[in-house]
């Protein structure tokens, strides 16, 4: 996939994350921090030029970041549902491990992108 198209998908997904975070019923701070972390990486990505985007390692790293951002959106979205968030929080104690894993993946993506 074209790196510019991947970037556009990442940016659109980040906007969806911001909107979703406003509606979450549980783990609001952790969801917000994930969104802020993604925004910080996106700000750095905006400084990439066309030559940078043609490098094969950047293409793979961008695709990995796109997948990670989508995972974050999927994870955060589950906290919007009023009927299920209480059960999920109760059973999983705020999903601490999943948030840690996503934060670790975001850090790895940032490293891979040399940000």
N, C-alpha and C. Protein backbone atom coordinates (compact mmCIF):
# COMPACT_ATOMS: atom_id res chain seq x y z
N UNK A 1 0.86 -1.18 0.00
CA UNK A 1 0.00 0.00 0.00
C UNK A 1 0.90 1.24 0.00
N UNK A 2 0.47 2.25 -0.68
CA UNK A 2 1.20 3.50 -0.78
C UNK A 2 1.35 4.14 0.61
N UNK A 3 2.57 4.58 0.97
CA UNK A 3 2.78 5.17 2.29
C UNK A 3 1.90 6.38 2.58
N UNK A 4 1.60 7.16 1.58
CA UNK A 4 0.73 8.32 1.78
C UNK A 4 -0.68 7.86 2.14
N UNK A 5 -1.14 6.81 1.49
CA UNK A 5 -2.46 6.26 1.81
C UNK A 5 -2.48 5.69 3.23
N UNK A 6 -1.40 5.04 3.62
CA UNK A 6 -1.30 4.50 4.97
C UNK A 6 -1.34 5.64 5.99
N UNK A 7 -0.60 6.71 5.71
CA UNK A 7 -0.63 7.86 6.61
C UNK A 7 -2.03 8.43 6.75
N UNK A 8 -2.75 8.53 5.64
CA UNK A 8 -4.12 9.06 5.68
C UNK A 8 -5.03 8.16 6.53
N UNK A 9 -4.86 6.86 6.41
CA UNK A 9 -5.64 5.93 7.23
C UNK A 9 -5.30 6.13 8.70
N UNK A 10 -4.01 6.28 9.00
CA UNK A 10 -3.58 6.50 10.38
C UNK A 10 -4.20 7.77 10.93
N UNK A 11 -4.14 8.85 10.16
CA UNK A 11 -4.68 10.14 10.63
C UNK A 11 -6.19 10.06 10.86
N UNK A 12 -6.90 9.40 9.94
CA UNK A 12 -8.36 9.26 10.10
C UNK A 12 -8.70 8.41 11.32
N UNK A 13 -7.94 7.36 11.52
CA UNK A 13 -8.18 6.49 12.68
C UNK A 13 -7.90 7.25 13.98
N UNK A 14 -6.87 8.09 13.96
CA UNK A 14 -6.54 8.89 15.15
C UNK A 14 -7.68 9.85 15.49
N UNK A 15 -8.32 10.41 14.47
CA UNK A 15 -9.47 11.29 14.70
C UNK A 15 -10.62 10.49 15.32
N UNK A 16 -10.84 9.28 14.81
CA UNK A 16 -11.88 8.42 15.38
C UNK A 16 -11.58 8.08 16.84
N UNK A 17 -10.32 7.87 17.14
CA UNK A 17 -9.93 7.57 18.52
C UNK A 17 -10.26 8.75 19.42
N UNK A 18 -9.94 9.95 18.97
CA UNK A 18 -10.25 11.15 19.76
C UNK A 18 -11.75 11.25 20.05
N UNK A 19 -12.55 11.02 19.03
CA UNK A 19 -14.01 11.09 19.19
C UNK A 19 -14.51 9.98 20.11
N UNK A 20 -13.93 8.80 19.98
CA UNK A 20 -14.35 7.67 20.79
C UNK A 20 -13.99 7.89 22.25
N UNK A 21 -12.81 8.44 22.50
CA UNK A 21 -12.36 8.69 23.87
C UNK A 21 -13.34 9.60 24.61
N UNK A 22 -13.95 10.53 23.91
CA UNK A 22 -14.92 11.43 24.53
C UNK A 22 -16.14 10.68 25.05
N UNK A 23 -16.43 9.52 24.48
CA UNK A 23 -17.64 8.77 24.82
C UNK A 23 -17.39 7.55 25.70
N UNK A 24 -16.15 7.28 26.07
CA UNK A 24 -15.91 6.06 26.85
C UNK A 24 -16.50 6.21 28.25
N UNK A 25 -16.92 5.07 28.79
CA UNK A 25 -17.57 5.04 30.11
C UNK A 25 -16.62 4.54 31.19
N UNK A 26 -15.53 3.91 30.80
CA UNK A 26 -14.57 3.36 31.77
C UNK A 26 -13.16 3.59 31.23
N UNK A 27 -12.21 3.59 32.13
CA UNK A 27 -10.80 3.75 31.76
C UNK A 27 -10.55 5.01 30.93
N UNK A 28 -11.23 6.06 31.30
CA UNK A 28 -11.15 7.29 30.52
C UNK A 28 -9.74 7.85 30.43
N UNK A 29 -9.03 7.89 31.54
CA UNK A 29 -7.68 8.45 31.52
C UNK A 29 -6.73 7.62 30.67
N UNK A 30 -6.81 6.30 30.80
CA UNK A 30 -5.93 5.43 30.03
C UNK A 30 -6.24 5.53 28.53
N UNK A 31 -7.51 5.61 28.19
CA UNK A 31 -7.90 5.77 26.79
C UNK A 31 -7.39 7.11 26.26
N UNK A 32 -7.54 8.13 27.07
CA UNK A 32 -7.08 9.47 26.67
C UNK A 32 -5.57 9.48 26.43
N UNK A 33 -4.82 8.82 27.32
CA UNK A 33 -3.37 8.76 27.16
C UNK A 33 -2.96 8.02 25.90
N UNK A 34 -3.67 6.96 25.57
CA UNK A 34 -3.38 6.25 24.31
C UNK A 34 -3.57 7.20 23.13
N UNK A 35 -4.68 7.93 23.14
CA UNK A 35 -4.95 8.89 22.07
C UNK A 35 -3.89 9.97 21.99
N UNK A 36 -3.45 10.47 23.13
CA UNK A 36 -2.41 11.51 23.15
C UNK A 36 -1.08 10.97 22.62
N UNK A 37 -0.79 9.74 22.97
CA UNK A 37 0.45 9.13 22.49
C UNK A 37 0.43 8.96 20.97
N UNK A 38 -0.70 8.55 20.45
CA UNK A 38 -0.85 8.40 19.00
C UNK A 38 -0.72 9.77 18.33
N UNK A 39 -1.34 10.79 18.91
CA UNK A 39 -1.23 12.15 18.35
C UNK A 39 0.21 12.63 18.33
N UNK A 40 0.97 12.33 19.37
CA UNK A 40 2.38 12.75 19.43
C UNK A 40 3.18 12.09 18.31
N UNK A 41 2.94 10.81 18.09
CA UNK A 41 3.64 10.11 17.00
C UNK A 41 3.21 10.68 15.66
N UNK A 42 1.91 10.96 15.50
CA UNK A 42 1.41 11.52 14.25
C UNK A 42 2.06 12.88 13.95
N UNK A 43 2.25 13.69 14.98
CA UNK A 43 2.89 15.00 14.76
C UNK A 43 4.30 14.81 14.19
N UNK A 44 5.00 13.82 14.68
CA UNK A 44 6.34 13.53 14.16
C UNK A 44 6.28 13.00 12.73
N UNK A 45 5.26 12.19 12.46
CA UNK A 45 5.12 11.63 11.11
C UNK A 45 4.88 12.72 10.06
N UNK A 46 4.24 13.80 10.46
CA UNK A 46 3.96 14.88 9.52
C UNK A 46 5.24 15.54 9.01
N UNK A 47 6.35 15.32 9.70
CA UNK A 47 7.61 15.91 9.27
C UNK A 47 8.33 15.05 8.23
N UNK A 48 7.83 13.84 7.97
CA UNK A 48 8.45 12.98 6.97
C UNK A 48 8.24 13.56 5.58
N UNK A 49 9.29 13.53 4.77
CA UNK A 49 9.15 14.02 3.40
C UNK A 49 8.96 12.84 2.44
N UNK A 50 8.76 13.16 1.17
CA UNK A 50 8.47 12.12 0.17
C UNK A 50 9.61 11.12 0.07
N UNK A 51 10.84 11.58 0.20
CA UNK A 51 11.98 10.67 0.11
C UNK A 51 11.98 9.69 1.29
N UNK A 52 11.66 10.19 2.48
CA UNK A 52 11.57 9.31 3.65
C UNK A 52 10.53 8.22 3.44
N UNK A 53 9.39 8.62 2.88
CA UNK A 53 8.27 7.69 2.71
C UNK A 53 8.57 6.58 1.70
N UNK A 54 9.57 6.77 0.85
CA UNK A 54 9.90 5.75 -0.15
C UNK A 54 10.81 4.66 0.40
N UNK A 55 11.38 4.87 1.57
CA UNK A 55 12.27 3.86 2.14
C UNK A 55 11.45 2.65 2.58
N UNK A 56 11.92 1.47 2.22
CA UNK A 56 11.15 0.25 2.48
C UNK A 56 10.93 0.00 3.97
N UNK A 57 11.93 0.31 4.80
CA UNK A 57 11.74 0.08 6.24
C UNK A 57 10.70 1.02 6.83
N UNK A 58 10.58 2.22 6.27
CA UNK A 58 9.54 3.16 6.72
C UNK A 58 8.16 2.63 6.31
N UNK A 59 8.07 2.09 5.11
CA UNK A 59 6.79 1.54 4.65
C UNK A 59 6.29 0.45 5.60
N UNK A 60 7.18 -0.46 5.97
CA UNK A 60 6.80 -1.54 6.87
C UNK A 60 6.46 -1.00 8.25
N UNK A 61 7.25 -0.05 8.73
CA UNK A 61 7.00 0.54 10.05
C UNK A 61 5.68 1.29 10.07
N UNK A 62 5.36 2.01 8.99
CA UNK A 62 4.08 2.71 8.91
C UNK A 62 2.92 1.73 8.93
N UNK A 63 3.07 0.63 8.23
CA UNK A 63 2.00 -0.36 8.21
C UNK A 63 1.82 -0.98 9.60
N UNK A 64 2.92 -1.23 10.29
CA UNK A 64 2.83 -1.74 11.66
C UNK A 64 2.14 -0.73 12.57
N UNK A 65 2.47 0.54 12.41
CA UNK A 65 1.85 1.59 13.22
C UNK A 65 0.35 1.68 12.90
N UNK A 66 0.01 1.56 11.62
CA UNK A 66 -1.41 1.58 11.23
C UNK A 66 -2.18 0.48 11.93
N UNK A 67 -1.60 -0.72 11.95
CA UNK A 67 -2.25 -1.85 12.62
C UNK A 67 -2.38 -1.60 14.12
N UNK A 68 -1.36 -1.03 14.71
CA UNK A 68 -1.38 -0.75 16.15
C UNK A 68 -2.45 0.29 16.48
N UNK A 69 -2.54 1.33 15.66
CA UNK A 69 -3.55 2.38 15.87
C UNK A 69 -4.95 1.78 15.75
N UNK A 70 -5.14 0.88 14.79
CA UNK A 70 -6.44 0.22 14.64
C UNK A 70 -6.75 -0.64 15.85
N UNK A 71 -5.75 -1.33 16.38
CA UNK A 71 -5.95 -2.14 17.60
C UNK A 71 -6.36 -1.24 18.77
N UNK A 72 -5.74 -0.08 18.85
CA UNK A 72 -6.09 0.86 19.92
C UNK A 72 -7.54 1.31 19.78
N UNK A 73 -7.95 1.63 18.56
CA UNK A 73 -9.34 2.04 18.33
C UNK A 73 -10.30 0.91 18.70
N UNK A 74 -9.99 -0.30 18.27
CA UNK A 74 -10.86 -1.43 18.59
C UNK A 74 -10.97 -1.64 20.09
N UNK A 75 -9.86 -1.50 20.78
CA UNK A 75 -9.84 -1.70 22.23
C UNK A 75 -10.61 -0.60 22.94
N UNK A 76 -10.37 0.64 22.56
CA UNK A 76 -11.04 1.78 23.21
C UNK A 76 -12.54 1.74 22.96
N UNK A 77 -12.94 1.32 21.77
CA UNK A 77 -14.35 1.31 21.40
C UNK A 77 -15.19 0.46 22.35
N UNK A 78 -14.62 -0.60 22.87
CA UNK A 78 -15.40 -1.47 23.75
C UNK A 78 -15.82 -0.77 25.04
N UNK A 79 -15.16 0.31 25.40
CA UNK A 79 -15.52 1.03 26.63
C UNK A 79 -16.64 2.05 26.41
N UNK A 80 -17.12 2.17 25.18
CA UNK A 80 -18.25 3.06 24.89
C UNK A 80 -19.57 2.42 25.26
N UNK A 81 -19.64 1.12 25.15
CA UNK A 81 -20.89 0.40 25.35
C UNK A 81 -21.25 0.37 26.83
N UNK A 82 -22.34 0.98 27.13
CA UNK A 82 -22.76 1.12 28.52
C UNK A 82 -23.05 -0.23 29.19
N UNK A 83 -23.65 -1.13 28.47
CA UNK A 83 -24.07 -2.39 29.09
C UNK A 83 -22.91 -3.32 29.38
N UNK A 84 -21.85 -3.22 28.61
CA UNK A 84 -20.78 -4.19 28.79
C UNK A 84 -19.56 -3.64 29.52
N UNK A 85 -19.43 -2.34 29.63
CA UNK A 85 -18.19 -1.82 30.23
C UNK A 85 -18.04 -2.22 31.68
N UNK A 86 -19.13 -2.25 32.44
CA UNK A 86 -19.02 -2.61 33.85
C UNK A 86 -18.51 -4.04 34.01
N UNK A 87 -19.06 -4.95 33.23
CA UNK A 87 -18.64 -6.34 33.30
C UNK A 87 -17.17 -6.47 32.92
N UNK A 88 -16.77 -5.79 31.87
CA UNK A 88 -15.38 -5.87 31.43
C UNK A 88 -14.43 -5.31 32.48
N UNK A 89 -14.79 -4.18 33.06
CA UNK A 89 -13.93 -3.58 34.08
C UNK A 89 -13.87 -4.49 35.29
N UNK A 90 -15.01 -5.00 35.70
CA UNK A 90 -15.05 -5.88 36.87
C UNK A 90 -14.19 -7.11 36.66
N UNK A 91 -14.32 -7.73 35.50
CA UNK A 91 -13.59 -8.96 35.22
C UNK A 91 -12.11 -8.73 34.98
N UNK A 92 -11.78 -7.64 34.35
CA UNK A 92 -10.40 -7.45 33.91
C UNK A 92 -9.64 -6.35 34.65
N UNK A 93 -10.22 -5.82 35.69
CA UNK A 93 -9.57 -4.81 36.52
C UNK A 93 -8.93 -3.72 35.66
N UNK A 94 -9.78 -3.05 34.92
CA UNK A 94 -9.40 -1.91 34.09
C UNK A 94 -8.47 -2.23 32.92
N UNK A 95 -8.36 -3.50 32.59
CA UNK A 95 -7.57 -3.91 31.42
C UNK A 95 -6.14 -3.38 31.47
N UNK A 96 -5.59 -3.34 32.65
CA UNK A 96 -4.25 -2.78 32.85
C UNK A 96 -3.21 -3.41 31.92
N UNK A 97 -3.23 -4.71 31.80
CA UNK A 97 -2.25 -5.38 30.96
C UNK A 97 -2.40 -5.03 29.49
N UNK A 98 -3.64 -4.92 29.03
CA UNK A 98 -3.86 -4.58 27.62
C UNK A 98 -3.40 -3.16 27.32
N UNK A 99 -3.66 -2.23 28.24
CA UNK A 99 -3.18 -0.87 28.05
C UNK A 99 -1.65 -0.84 28.02
N UNK A 100 -1.02 -1.61 28.90
CA UNK A 100 0.44 -1.67 28.91
C UNK A 100 0.97 -2.23 27.60
N UNK A 101 0.33 -3.26 27.09
CA UNK A 101 0.74 -3.86 25.83
C UNK A 101 0.61 -2.88 24.67
N UNK A 102 -0.51 -2.17 24.61
CA UNK A 102 -0.70 -1.19 23.54
C UNK A 102 0.31 -0.06 23.65
N UNK A 103 0.58 0.41 24.86
CA UNK A 103 1.59 1.45 25.03
C UNK A 103 2.97 0.97 24.61
N UNK A 104 3.27 -0.28 24.92
CA UNK A 104 4.54 -0.87 24.50
C UNK A 104 4.63 -0.95 22.98
N UNK A 105 3.54 -1.36 22.34
CA UNK A 105 3.50 -1.44 20.88
C UNK A 105 3.68 -0.06 20.26
N UNK A 106 3.04 0.96 20.85
CA UNK A 106 3.20 2.32 20.34
C UNK A 106 4.65 2.79 20.48
N UNK A 107 5.27 2.48 21.59
CA UNK A 107 6.68 2.84 21.79
C UNK A 107 7.56 2.15 20.76
N UNK A 108 7.28 0.89 20.51
CA UNK A 108 8.05 0.15 19.52
C UNK A 108 7.86 0.74 18.13
N UNK A 109 6.63 1.11 17.81
CA UNK A 109 6.37 1.74 16.50
C UNK A 109 7.14 3.05 16.37
N UNK A 110 7.13 3.85 17.42
CA UNK A 110 7.87 5.11 17.39
C UNK A 110 9.36 4.85 17.18
N UNK A 111 9.89 3.84 17.87
CA UNK A 111 11.31 3.49 17.68
C UNK A 111 11.58 3.03 16.26
N UNK A 112 10.71 2.19 15.73
CA UNK A 112 10.88 1.68 14.37
C UNK A 112 10.85 2.80 13.34
N UNK A 113 10.07 3.83 13.62
CA UNK A 113 9.96 4.98 12.72
C UNK A 113 11.06 6.00 12.97
N UNK A 114 11.94 5.70 13.92
CA UNK A 114 13.03 6.61 14.29
C UNK A 114 12.54 7.96 14.75
N UNK A 115 11.49 7.97 15.56
CA UNK A 115 10.92 9.23 16.06
C UNK A 115 11.42 9.51 17.47
